[in-house]
């Protein structure tokens, strides 16, 4: 992703990326709903993609994830599974 590449470019070598993002649930039933809702969310949610596995985006962008917590926030499960973590440039 372009945004993560830009973060890596401007981040100090000893800096860290703190992230909180909703994304793909590990539950197959919730994933099915996330797949169905993504086209709608992209249009009305400013390009939102609730079907992305966030750690699978951060690592290939050149970061090492040093801390990661996942789980549901209150609300509809297809929209509330979150990834919270800390990453450093690899």
PDB file of N, CA and C in Angstrom:
ATOM      1  N   UNK A   1       0.825  -1.184   0.000  1.00  0.00           N
ATOM      2  CA  UNK A   1       0.000   0.000   0.000  1.00  0.00           C
ATOM      3  C   UNK A   1       0.867   1.245   0.000  1.00  0.00           C
ATOM      4  N   UNK A   2       0.382   2.241  -0.686  1.00  0.00           N
ATOM      5  CA  UNK A   2       1.143   3.482  -0.814  1.00  0.00           C
ATOM      6  C   UNK A   2       1.304   4.198   0.524  1.00  0.00           C
ATOM      7  N   UNK A   3       0.277   4.169   1.344  1.00  0.00           N
ATOM      8  CA  UNK A   3       0.345   4.877   2.632  1.00  0.00           C
ATOM      9  C   UNK A   3       1.412   4.271   3.530  1.00  0.00           C
ATOM     10  N   UNK A   4       1.474   2.945   3.591  1.00  0.00           N
ATOM     11  CA  UNK A   4       2.491   2.305   4.441  1.00  0.00           C
ATOM     12  C   UNK A   4       3.898   2.545   3.901  1.00  0.00           C
ATOM     13  N   UNK A   5       4.048   2.572   2.592  1.00  0.00           N
ATOM     14  CA  UNK A   5       5.360   2.860   2.006  1.00  0.00           C
ATOM     15  C   UNK A   5       5.808   4.271   2.361  1.00  0.00           C
ATOM     16  N   UNK A   6       4.873   5.207   2.359  1.00  0.00           N
ATOM     17  CA  UNK A   6       5.209   6.593   2.718  1.00  0.00           C
ATOM     18  C   UNK A   6       5.547   6.709   4.203  1.00  0.00           C
ATOM     19  N   UNK A   7       4.814   5.988   5.043  1.00  0.00           N
ATOM     20  CA  UNK A   7       5.138   5.992   6.483  1.00  0.00           C
ATOM     21  C   UNK A   7       6.549   5.468   6.685  1.00  0.00           C
ATOM     22  N   UNK A   8       6.883   4.370   6.033  1.00  0.00           N
ATOM     23  CA  UNK A   8       8.227   3.796   6.176  1.00  0.00           C
ATOM     24  C   UNK A   8       9.288   4.780   5.680  1.00  0.00           C
ATOM     25  N   UNK A   9       8.997   5.480   4.612  1.00  0.00           N
ATOM     26  CA  UNK A   9       9.959   6.428   4.048  1.00  0.00           C
ATOM     27  C   UNK A   9      10.258   7.580   5.006  1.00  0.00           C
ATOM     28  N   UNK A  10       9.240   8.104   5.682  1.00  0.00           N
ATOM     29  CA  UNK A  10       9.445   9.281   6.534  1.00  0.00           C
ATOM     30  C   UNK A  10       9.731   8.937   7.990  1.00  0.00           C
ATOM     31  N   UNK A  11       9.553   7.693   8.373  1.00  0.00           N
ATOM     32  CA  UNK A  11       9.778   7.290   9.758  1.00  0.00           C
ATOM     33  C   UNK A  11      11.271   7.247  10.069  1.00  0.00           C
ATOM     34  N   UNK A  12      11.643   7.764  11.212  1.00  0.00           N
ATOM     35  CA  UNK A  12      13.044   7.668  11.637  1.00  0.00           C
ATOM     36  C   UNK A  12      13.438   6.195  11.749  1.00  0.00           C
ATOM     37  N   UNK A  13      14.705   5.877  11.557  1.00  0.00           N
ATOM     38  CA  UNK A  13      15.134   4.474  11.652  1.00  0.00           C
ATOM     39  C   UNK A  13      14.801   3.825  12.992  1.00  0.00           C
ATOM     40  N   UNK A  14      14.793   4.622  14.060  1.00  0.00           N
ATOM     41  CA  UNK A  14      14.457   4.077  15.375  1.00  0.00           C
ATOM     42  C   UNK A  14      12.997   4.333  15.741  1.00  0.00           C
ATOM     43  N   UNK A  15      12.213   4.815  14.780  1.00  0.00           N
ATOM     44  CA  UNK A  15      10.808   5.138  15.026  1.00  0.00           C
ATOM     45  C   UNK A  15       9.928   3.895  15.034  1.00  0.00           C
ATOM     46  N   UNK A  16       8.662   4.120  15.332  1.00  0.00           N
ATOM     47  CA  UNK A  16       7.713   3.009  15.344  1.00  0.00           C
ATOM     48  C   UNK A  16       6.372   3.471  14.780  1.00  0.00           C
ATOM     49  N   UNK A  17       5.689   2.538  14.181  1.00  0.00           N
ATOM     50  CA  UNK A  17       4.345   2.751  13.657  1.00  0.00           C
ATOM     51  C   UNK A  17       3.359   2.182  14.663  1.00  0.00           C
ATOM     52  N   UNK A  18       2.482   3.041  15.182  1.00  0.00           N
ATOM     53  CA  UNK A  18       1.408   2.604  16.065  1.00  0.00           C
ATOM     54  C   UNK A  18       0.153   2.545  15.205  1.00  0.00           C
ATOM     55  N   UNK A  19      -0.548   1.412  15.221  1.00  0.00           N
ATOM     56  CA  UNK A  19      -1.717   1.299  14.365  1.00  0.00           C
ATOM     57  C   UNK A  19      -2.897   0.673  15.091  1.00  0.00           C
ATOM     58  N   UNK A  20      -4.071   1.162  14.737  1.00  0.00           N
ATOM     59  CA  UNK A  20      -5.359   0.598  15.149  1.00  0.00           C
ATOM     60  C   UNK A  20      -6.219   0.649  13.900  1.00  0.00           C
ATOM     61  N   UNK A  21      -6.632  -0.511  13.437  1.00  0.00           N
ATOM     62  CA  UNK A  21      -7.394  -0.572  12.185  1.00  0.00           C
ATOM     63  C   UNK A  21      -8.351  -1.742  12.243  1.00  0.00           C
ATOM     64  N   UNK A  22      -9.552  -1.544  11.717  1.00  0.00           N
ATOM     65  CA  UNK A  22     -10.456  -2.689  11.641  1.00  0.00           C
ATOM     66  C   UNK A  22     -10.100  -3.498  10.402  1.00  0.00           C
ATOM     67  N   UNK A  23     -10.416  -4.797  10.461  1.00  0.00           N
ATOM     68  CA  UNK A  23     -10.056  -5.642   9.334  1.00  0.00           C
ATOM     69  C   UNK A  23     -10.664  -7.027   9.432  1.00  0.00           C
ATOM     70  N   UNK A  24     -10.074  -7.934   8.690  1.00  0.00           N
ATOM     71  CA  UNK A  24     -10.601  -9.281   8.491  1.00  0.00           C
ATOM     72  C   UNK A  24     -10.638 -10.082   9.791  1.00  0.00           C
ATOM     73  N   UNK A  25     -11.804 -10.600  10.079  1.00  0.00           N
ATOM     74  CA  UNK A  25     -12.024 -11.436  11.262  1.00  0.00           C
ATOM     75  C   UNK A  25     -11.513 -12.851  11.012  1.00  0.00           C
ATOM     76  N   UNK A  26     -11.136 -13.582  12.060  1.00  0.00           N
ATOM     77  CA  UNK A  26     -10.761 -14.981  11.886  1.00  0.00           C
ATOM     78  C   UNK A  26     -11.983 -15.905  11.760  1.00  0.00           C
ATOM     79  N   UNK A  27     -13.170 -15.407  12.045  1.00  0.00           N
ATOM     80  CA  UNK A  27     -14.397 -16.200  12.016  1.00  0.00           C
ATOM     81  C   UNK A  27     -14.936 -16.264  10.581  1.00  0.00           C
ATOM     82  N   UNK A  28     -15.022 -17.459   9.979  1.00  0.00           N
ATOM     83  CA  UNK A  28     -15.492 -17.576   8.589  1.00  0.00           C
ATOM     84  C   UNK A  28     -16.878 -16.974   8.339  1.00  0.00           C
ATOM     85  N   UNK A  29     -17.779 -17.064   9.301  1.00  0.00           N
ATOM     86  CA  UNK A  29     -19.111 -16.477   9.110  1.00  0.00           C
ATOM     87  C   UNK A  29     -19.039 -14.946   9.065  1.00  0.00           C
ATOM     88  N   UNK A  30     -18.216 -14.378   9.911  1.00  0.00           N
ATOM     89  CA  UNK A  30     -18.037 -12.924   9.896  1.00  0.00           C
ATOM     90  C   UNK A  30     -17.306 -12.516   8.617  1.00  0.00           C
ATOM     91  N   UNK A  31     -16.313 -13.293   8.206  1.00  0.00           N
ATOM     92  CA  UNK A  31     -15.588 -13.007   6.958  1.00  0.00           C
ATOM     93  C   UNK A  31     -16.530 -12.949   5.764  1.00  0.00           C
ATOM     94  N   UNK A  32     -17.500 -13.865   5.726  1.00  0.00           N
ATOM     95  CA  UNK A  32     -18.460 -13.871   4.616  1.00  0.00           C
ATOM     96  C   UNK A  32     -19.218 -12.548   4.561  1.00  0.00           C
ATOM     97  N   UNK A  33     -19.635 -12.049   5.710  1.00  0.00           N
ATOM     98  CA  UNK A  33     -20.318 -10.757   5.754  1.00  0.00           C
ATOM     99  C   UNK A  33     -19.373  -9.623   5.385  1.00  0.00           C
ATOM    100  N   UNK A  34     -18.128  -9.706   5.817  1.00  0.00           N
ATOM    101  CA  UNK A  34     -17.162  -8.659   5.469  1.00  0.00           C
ATOM    102  C   UNK A  34     -16.955  -8.603   3.952  1.00  0.00           C
ATOM    103  N   UNK A  35     -16.910  -9.767   3.307  1.00  0.00           N
ATOM    104  CA  UNK A  35     -16.759  -9.806   1.846  1.00  0.00           C
ATOM    105  C   UNK A  35     -17.972  -9.167   1.169  1.00  0.00           C
ATOM    106  N   UNK A  36     -19.167  -9.467   1.678  1.00  0.00           N
ATOM    107  CA  UNK A  36     -20.394  -8.899   1.107  1.00  0.00           C
ATOM    108  C   UNK A  36     -20.467  -7.381   1.294  1.00  0.00           C
ATOM    109  N   UNK A  37     -20.026  -6.906   2.448  1.00  0.00           N
ATOM    110  CA  UNK A  37     -20.148  -5.487   2.780  1.00  0.00           C
ATOM    111  C   UNK A  37     -19.048  -4.601   2.197  1.00  0.00           C
ATOM    112  N   UNK A  38     -17.927  -5.181   1.827  1.00  0.00           N
ATOM    113  CA  UNK A  38     -16.795  -4.371   1.365  1.00  0.00           C
ATOM    114  C   UNK A  38     -17.143  -3.469   0.183  1.00  0.00           C
ATOM    115  N   UNK A  39     -17.824  -3.938  -0.863  1.00  0.00           N
ATOM    116  CA  UNK A  39     -18.136  -3.007  -1.966  1.00  0.00           C
ATOM    117  C   UNK A  39     -18.966  -1.802  -1.519  1.00  0.00           C
ATOM    118  N   UNK A  40     -19.888  -2.019  -0.593  1.00  0.00           N
ATOM    119  CA  UNK A  40     -20.705  -0.919  -0.079  1.00  0.00           C
ATOM    120  C   UNK A  40     -19.836   0.017   0.764  1.00  0.00           C
ATOM    121  N   UNK A  41     -19.033  -0.563   1.641  1.00  0.00           N
ATOM    122  CA  UNK A  41     -18.174   0.247   2.512  1.00  0.00           C
ATOM    123  C   UNK A  41     -17.193   1.083   1.705  1.00  0.00           C
ATOM    124  N   UNK A  42     -16.669   0.524   0.622  1.00  0.00           N
ATOM    125  CA  UNK A  42     -15.736   1.274  -0.214  1.00  0.00           C
ATOM    126  C   UNK A  42     -16.388   2.536  -0.768  1.00  0.00           C
ATOM    127  N   UNK A  43     -17.670   2.432  -1.151  1.00  0.00           N
ATOM    128  CA  UNK A  43     -18.373   3.573  -1.746  1.00  0.00           C
ATOM    129  C   UNK A  43     -18.804   4.601  -0.703  1.00  0.00           C
ATOM    130  N   UNK A  44     -19.360   4.135   0.410  1.00  0.00           N
ATOM    131  CA  UNK A  44     -19.907   5.080   1.388  1.00  0.00           C
ATOM    132  C   UNK A  44     -18.956   5.366   2.544  1.00  0.00           C
ATOM    133  N   UNK A  45     -17.895   4.595   2.658  1.00  0.00           N
ATOM    134  CA  UNK A  45     -16.970   4.754   3.780  1.00  0.00           C
ATOM    135  C   UNK A  45     -15.612   5.292   3.394  1.00  0.00           C
ATOM    136  N   UNK A  46     -15.543   6.014   2.287  1.00  0.00           N
ATOM    137  CA  UNK A  46     -14.277   6.634   1.908  1.00  0.00           C
ATOM    138  C   UNK A  46     -13.178   5.653   1.548  1.00  0.00           C
ATOM    139  N   UNK A  47     -13.538   4.531   0.930  1.00  0.00           N
ATOM    140  CA  UNK A  47     -12.546   3.548   0.521  1.00  0.00           C
ATOM    141  C   UNK A  47     -12.253   2.487   1.560  1.00  0.00           C
ATOM    142  N   UNK A  48     -13.091   2.383   2.554  1.00  0.00           N
ATOM    143  CA  UNK A  48     -12.910   1.406   3.637  1.00  0.00           C
ATOM    144  C   UNK A  48     -12.982  -0.028   3.098  1.00  0.00           C
ATOM    145  N   UNK A  49     -12.095  -0.888   3.587  1.00  0.00           N
ATOM    146  CA  UNK A  49     -12.062  -2.306   3.221  1.00  0.00           C
ATOM    147  C   UNK A  49     -12.065  -3.156   4.495  1.00  0.00           C
ATOM    148  N   UNK A  50     -13.234  -3.542   5.005  1.00  0.00           N
ATOM    149  CA  UNK A  50     -13.244  -4.346   6.235  1.00  0.00           C
ATOM    150  C   UNK A  50     -12.769  -5.780   6.041  1.00  0.00           C
ATOM    151  N   UNK A  51     -12.414  -6.147   4.815  1.00  0.00           N
ATOM    152  CA  UNK A  51     -11.991  -7.517   4.536  1.00  0.00           C
ATOM    153  C   UNK A  51     -10.477  -7.658   4.376  1.00  0.00           C
ATOM    154  N   UNK A  52      -9.709  -6.716   4.881  1.00  0.00           N
ATOM    155  CA  UNK A  52      -8.246  -6.802   4.764  1.00  0.00           C
ATOM    156  C   UNK A  52      -7.639  -7.278   6.080  1.00  0.00           C
ATOM    157  N   UNK A  53      -6.688  -8.193   5.957  1.00  0.00           N
ATOM    158  CA  UNK A  53      -5.938  -8.697   7.115  1.00  0.00           C
ATOM    159  C   UNK A  53      -4.756  -7.746   7.322  1.00  0.00           C
ATOM    160  N   UNK A  54      -4.847  -6.921   8.314  1.00  0.00           N
ATOM    161  CA  UNK A  54      -3.947  -5.783   8.467  1.00  0.00           C
ATOM    162  C   UNK A  54      -2.485  -6.200   8.664  1.00  0.00           C
ATOM    163  N   UNK A  55      -2.234  -7.242   9.449  1.00  0.00           N
ATOM    164  CA  UNK A  55      -0.835  -7.653   9.634  1.00  0.00           C
ATOM    165  C   UNK A  55      -0.217  -8.142   8.324  1.00  0.00           C
ATOM    166  N   UNK A  56      -1.035  -8.664   7.415  1.00  0.00           N
ATOM    167  CA  UNK A  56      -0.527  -9.098   6.109  1.00  0.00           C
ATOM    168  C   UNK A  56      -0.266  -7.924   5.176  1.00  0.00           C
ATOM    169  N   UNK A  57      -0.643  -6.729   5.568  1.00  0.00           N
ATOM    170  CA  UNK A  57      -0.302  -5.518   4.821  1.00  0.00           C
ATOM    171  C   UNK A  57       0.923  -4.829   5.418  1.00  0.00           C
ATOM    172  N   UNK A  58       1.024  -4.851   6.738  1.00  0.00           N
ATOM    173  CA  UNK A  58       2.107  -4.145   7.423  1.00  0.00           C
ATOM    174  C   UNK A  58       3.453  -4.819   7.171  1.00  0.00           C
ATOM    175  N   UNK A  59       3.511  -6.137   7.311  1.00  0.00           N
ATOM    176  CA  UNK A  59       4.798  -6.848   7.145  1.00  0.00           C
ATOM    177  C   UNK A  59       5.394  -6.680   5.746  1.00  0.00           C
ATOM    178  N   UNK A  60       4.643  -6.926   4.671  1.00  0.00           N
ATOM    179  CA  UNK A  60       5.230  -6.768   3.333  1.00  0.00           C
ATOM    180  C   UNK A  60       5.625  -5.328   2.995  1.00  0.00           C
ATOM    181  N   UNK A  61       5.095  -4.365   3.746  1.00  0.00           N
ATOM    182  CA  UNK A  61       5.462  -2.964   3.523  1.00  0.00           C
ATOM    183  C   UNK A  61       6.823  -2.631   4.133  1.00  0.00           C
ATOM    184  N   UNK A  62       7.471  -3.622   4.747  1.00  0.00           N
ATOM    185  CA  UNK A  62       8.811  -3.415   5.283  1.00  0.00           C
ATOM    186  C   UNK A  62       8.878  -3.163   6.768  1.00  0.00           C
ATOM    187  N   UNK A  63       7.888  -3.665   7.496  1.00  0.00           N
ATOM    188  CA  UNK A  63       7.857  -3.497   8.943  1.00  0.00           C
ATOM    189  C   UNK A  63       7.918  -4.844   9.644  1.00  0.00           C
ATOM    190  N   UNK A  64       8.506  -4.829  10.831  1.00  0.00           N
ATOM    191  CA  UNK A  64       8.438  -5.959  11.753  1.00  0.00           C
ATOM    192  C   UNK A  64       7.415  -5.601  12.819  1.00  0.00           C
ATOM    193  N   UNK A  65       6.424  -6.461  13.006  1.00  0.00           N
ATOM    194  CA  UNK A  65       5.421  -6.213  14.037  1.00  0.00           C
ATOM    195  C   UNK A  65       5.970  -6.730  15.356  1.00  0.00           C
ATOM    196  N   UNK A  66       6.096  -5.834  16.322  1.00  0.00           N
ATOM    197  CA  UNK A  66       6.659  -6.211  17.618  1.00  0.00           C
ATOM    198  C   UNK A  66       5.586  -6.445  18.660  1.00  0.00           C
ATOM    199  N   UNK A  67       4.379  -5.959  18.389  1.00  0.00           N
ATOM    200  CA  UNK A  67       3.252  -6.198  19.294  1.00  0.00           C
ATOM    201  C   UNK A  67       1.976  -6.167  18.464  1.00  0.00           C
ATOM    202  N   UNK A  68       1.081  -7.141  18.702  1.00  0.00           N
ATOM    203  CA  UNK A  68      -0.183  -7.184  17.967  1.00  0.00           C
ATOM    204  C   UNK A  68      -1.268  -7.764  18.854  1.00  0.00           C
ATOM    205  N   UNK A  69      -2.365  -7.027  18.961  1.00  0.00           N
ATOM    206  CA  UNK A  69      -3.557  -7.510  19.652  1.00  0.00           C
ATOM    207  C   UNK A  69      -4.713  -7.438  18.664  1.00  0.00           C
ATOM    208  N   UNK A  70      -5.561  -8.447  18.692  1.00  0.00           N
ATOM    209  CA  UNK A  70      -6.729  -8.446  17.838  1.00  0.00           C
ATOM    210  C   UNK A  70      -7.957  -8.766  18.669  1.00  0.00           C
ATOM    211  N   UNK A  71      -9.098  -8.318  18.203  1.00  0.00           N
ATOM    212  CA  UNK A  71     -10.337  -8.633  18.897  1.00  0.00           C
ATOM    213  C   UNK A  71     -11.469  -7.744  18.427  1.00  0.00           C
ATOM    214  N   UNK A  72     -12.646  -8.055  18.936  1.00  0.00           N
ATOM    215  CA  UNK A  72     -13.853  -7.310  18.565  1.00  0.00           C
ATOM    216  C   UNK A  72     -14.091  -6.158  19.534  1.00  0.00           C
ATOM    217  N   UNK A  73     -14.483  -5.032  18.991  1.00  0.00           N
ATOM    218  CA  UNK A  73     -14.997  -3.920  19.768  1.00  0.00           C
ATOM    219  C   UNK A  73     -16.513  -4.084  19.845  1.00  0.00           C
ATOM    220  N   UNK A  74     -17.198  -3.325  20.694  1.00  0.00           N
ATOM    221  CA  UNK A  74     -18.657  -3.399  20.713  1.00  0.00           C
ATOM    222  C   UNK A  74     -19.241  -2.962  19.366  1.00  0.00           C
ATOM    223  N   UNK A  75     -20.286  -3.635  18.945  1.00  0.00           N
ATOM    224  CA  UNK A  75     -20.953  -3.278  17.696  1.00  0.00           C
ATOM    225  C   UNK A  75     -21.054  -4.468  16.761  1.00  0.00           C
ATOM    226  N   UNK A  76     -21.484  -4.223  15.528  1.00  0.00           N
ATOM    227  CA  UNK A  76     -21.652  -5.303  14.559  1.00  0.00           C
ATOM    228  C   UNK A  76     -20.311  -5.974  14.231  1.00  0.00           C
ATOM    229  N   UNK A  77     -20.256  -7.271  14.401  1.00  0.00           N
ATOM    230  CA  UNK A  77     -18.994  -8.003  14.251  1.00  0.00           C
ATOM    231  C   UNK A  77     -18.306  -7.810  12.894  1.00  0.00           C
ATOM    232  N   UNK A  78     -19.004  -7.716  11.779  1.00  0.00           N
ATOM    233  CA  UNK A  78     -18.292  -7.509  10.512  1.00  0.00           C
ATOM    234  C   UNK A  78     -17.534  -6.177  10.433  1.00  0.00           C
ATOM    235  N   UNK A  79     -17.895  -5.235  11.297  1.00  0.00           N
ATOM    236  CA  UNK A  79     -17.264  -3.910  11.237  1.00  0.00           C
ATOM    237  C   UNK A  79     -16.361  -3.625  12.422  1.00  0.00           C
ATOM    238  N   UNK A  80     -16.268  -4.528  13.390  1.00  0.00           N
ATOM    239  CA  UNK A  80     -15.587  -4.165  14.637  1.00  0.00           C
ATOM    240  C   UNK A  80     -14.400  -5.051  15.011  1.00  0.00           C
ATOM    241  N   UNK A  81     -13.957  -5.953  14.126  1.00  0.00           N
ATOM    242  CA  UNK A  81     -12.749  -6.708  14.446  1.00  0.00           C
ATOM    243  C   UNK A  81     -11.560  -5.792  14.202  1.00  0.00           C
ATOM    244  N   UNK A  82     -10.715  -5.603  15.211  1.00  0.00           N
ATOM    245  CA  UNK A  82      -9.609  -4.653  15.098  1.00  0.00           C
ATOM    246  C   UNK A  82      -8.251  -5.308  15.291  1.00  0.00           C
ATOM    247  N   UNK A  83      -7.278  -4.670  14.682  1.00  0.00           N
ATOM    248  CA  UNK A  83      -5.859  -4.990  14.826  1.00  0.00           C
ATOM    249  C   UNK A  83      -5.225  -3.785  15.491  1.00  0.00           C
ATOM    250  N   UNK A  84      -4.578  -3.993  16.623  1.00  0.00           N
ATOM    251  CA  UNK A  84      -3.889  -2.914  17.331  1.00  0.00           C
ATOM    252  C   UNK A  84      -2.454  -3.349  17.535  1.00  0.00           C
ATOM    253  N   UNK A  85      -1.508  -2.527  17.121  1.00  0.00           N
ATOM    254  CA  UNK A  85      -0.139  -2.981  17.260  1.00  0.00           C
ATOM    255  C   UNK A  85       0.906  -1.907  17.127  1.00  0.00           C
ATOM    256  N   UNK A  86       2.134  -2.392  17.258  1.00  0.00           N
ATOM    257  CA  UNK A  86       3.335  -1.577  17.114  1.00  0.00           C
ATOM    258  C   UNK A  86       4.240  -2.286  16.106  1.00  0.00           C
ATOM    259  N   UNK A  87       4.746  -1.514  15.151  1.00  0.00           N
ATOM    260  CA  UNK A  87       5.664  -2.065  14.144  1.00  0.00           C
ATOM    261  C   UNK A  87       6.857  -1.143  14.003  1.00  0.00           C
ATOM    262  N   UNK A  88       7.975  -1.731  13.644  1.00  0.00           N
ATOM    263  CA  UNK A  88       9.207  -0.967  13.406  1.00  0.00           C
ATOM    264  C   UNK A  88       9.741  -1.288  12.012  1.00  0.00           C
ATOM    265  N   UNK A  89      10.475  -0.359  11.417  1.00  0.00           N
ATOM    266  CA  UNK A  89      11.050  -0.650  10.108  1.00  0.00           C
ATOM    267  C   UNK A  89      11.929  -1.898  10.176  1.00  0.00           C
ATOM    268  N   UNK A  90      11.787  -2.766   9.199  1.00  0.00           N
ATOM    269  CA  UNK A  90      12.571  -4.018   9.175  1.00  0.00           C
ATOM    270  C   UNK A  90      14.021  -3.725   8.837  1.00  0.00           C
TER     271      UNK A  90
END
